[in-house]
Amino acid sequence: MYLNYLQNNLILSGVIGIIGLIFTFIESKRCKEKYRFKSYMKIFVLVSLCSYILLYVKINIIGNSNSSKTVYGGGGQTVNLDNYSSVNIGEPTF
């Protein structure tokens, strides 16, 4: 729908970086501490890079450990789709 662009890991990590930047700005105003623009950019790059690495590890390493196809249903139940790869939908054989 409207948030389909957040499925891209680079855009999602950029959004997380901006959120981290906003929190840093609010914290600097609360403590009355002055940061330079360069410090804000370092914080943005660091948070974005860390969140991208975390998303990469989550998707590629943890996602590849489940080699079979599973679908998560309601109530925490899982259905293994490999069990249904040869379903006969022709004439019933009783």
Protein backbone atom coordinates (compact mmCIF):
# COMPACT_ATOMS: atom_id res chain seq x y z
CA MET A 1 0.00 0.00 0.00
CA TYR A 2 1.52 3.33 1.03
CA LEU A 3 4.46 1.80 2.91
CA ASN A 4 5.66 -0.56 0.16
CA TYR A 5 8.79 1.54 -0.30
CA LEU A 6 9.87 0.57 3.24
CA GLN A 7 10.48 -2.98 1.98
CA ASN A 8 13.71 -1.67 0.42
CA ASN A 9 16.45 -2.10 3.04
CA LEU A 10 18.34 1.05 2.01
CA ILE A 11 15.28 3.27 2.34
CA LEU A 12 14.27 1.66 5.62
CA SER A 13 17.76 2.14 7.08
CA GLY A 14 17.68 5.78 5.92
CA VAL A 15 14.35 6.31 7.70
CA ILE A 16 15.79 4.74 10.86
CA GLY A 17 18.82 7.04 10.51
CA ILE A 18 16.54 10.08 10.28
CA ILE A 19 14.66 8.93 13.38
CA GLY A 20 17.99 8.60 15.21
CA LEU A 21 18.93 12.08 14.00
CA ILE A 22 15.68 13.52 15.33
CA PHE A 23 16.23 11.90 18.73
CA THR A 24 19.76 13.32 18.83
CA PHE A 25 18.46 16.78 17.98
CA ILE A 26 15.82 16.59 20.72
CA GLU A 27 18.42 15.38 23.23
CA SER A 28 20.79 18.21 22.31
CA LYS A 29 18.03 20.77 22.86
CA ARG A 30 17.14 19.21 26.20
CA CYS A 31 20.74 19.26 27.45
CA LYS A 32 21.45 22.64 25.78
CA GLU A 33 24.45 21.14 24.05
CA LYS A 34 25.53 22.43 20.64
CA TYR A 35 26.39 19.94 17.91
CA ARG A 36 27.82 20.91 14.57
CA PHE A 37 26.33 19.79 11.27
CA LYS A 38 29.22 17.38 10.82
CA SER A 39 28.31 15.61 14.09
CA TYR A 40 24.72 15.20 12.95
CA MET A 41 25.86 13.70 9.66
CA LYS A 42 28.16 11.25 11.47
CA ILE A 43 25.28 10.13 13.68
CA PHE A 44 22.98 9.73 10.66
CA VAL A 45 25.55 7.65 8.74
CA LEU A 46 26.38 5.51 11.77
CA VAL A 47 22.75 4.72 12.64
CA SER A 48 21.84 4.08 8.98
CA LEU A 49 24.82 1.79 8.47
CA CYS A 50 24.16 -0.18 11.66
CA SER A 51 20.49 -0.64 10.81
CA TYR A 52 21.33 -1.73 7.24
CA ILE A 53 23.83 -4.30 8.52
CA LEU A 54 21.23 -5.56 11.00
CA LEU A 55 18.60 -5.91 8.25
CA TYR A 56 21.12 -7.65 5.98
CA VAL A 57 22.05 -10.15 8.68
CA LYS A 58 18.41 -10.75 9.58
CA ILE A 59 17.32 -11.41 6.02
CA ASN A 60 20.32 -13.23 4.54
CA ILE A 61 21.71 -15.29 7.39
CA ILE A 62 18.63 -16.05 9.46
CA GLY A 63 16.36 -16.24 6.39
CA ASN A 64 18.61 -18.79 4.66
CA SER A 65 18.63 -21.12 7.66
CA ASN A 66 14.99 -21.99 6.92
CA SER A 67 15.42 -23.78 3.60
CA SER A 68 11.86 -25.08 3.43
CA LYS A 69 8.97 -22.83 2.59
CA THR A 70 6.73 -22.11 5.55
CA VAL A 71 3.65 -19.96 5.89
CA TYR A 72 2.72 -18.54 9.26
CA GLY A 73 -0.96 -18.82 10.02
CA GLY A 74 -3.02 -17.42 12.82
CA GLY A 75 -2.32 -18.50 16.37
CA GLY A 76 1.39 -19.09 15.78
CA GLN A 77 0.85 -22.15 13.59
CA THR A 78 3.11 -22.85 10.62
CA VAL A 79 2.34 -24.76 7.44
CA ASN A 80 5.18 -26.36 5.49
CA LEU A 81 4.45 -25.77 1.79
CA ASP A 82 6.85 -28.52 0.68
CA ASN A 83 4.32 -31.10 1.91
CA TYR A 84 1.80 -29.86 -0.65
CA SER A 85 3.97 -29.77 -3.76
CA SER A 86 2.29 -32.83 -5.37
CA VAL A 87 -1.42 -32.30 -4.74
CA ASN A 88 -3.64 -34.24 -7.15
CA ILE A 89 -6.63 -32.07 -8.06
CA GLY A 90 -8.01 -34.46 -10.71
CA GLU A 91 -10.46 -37.32 -10.25
CA PRO A 92 -10.68 -38.57 -6.67
CA THR A 93 -9.11 -41.97 -6.04
CA PHE A 94 -10.99 -43.55 -3.17
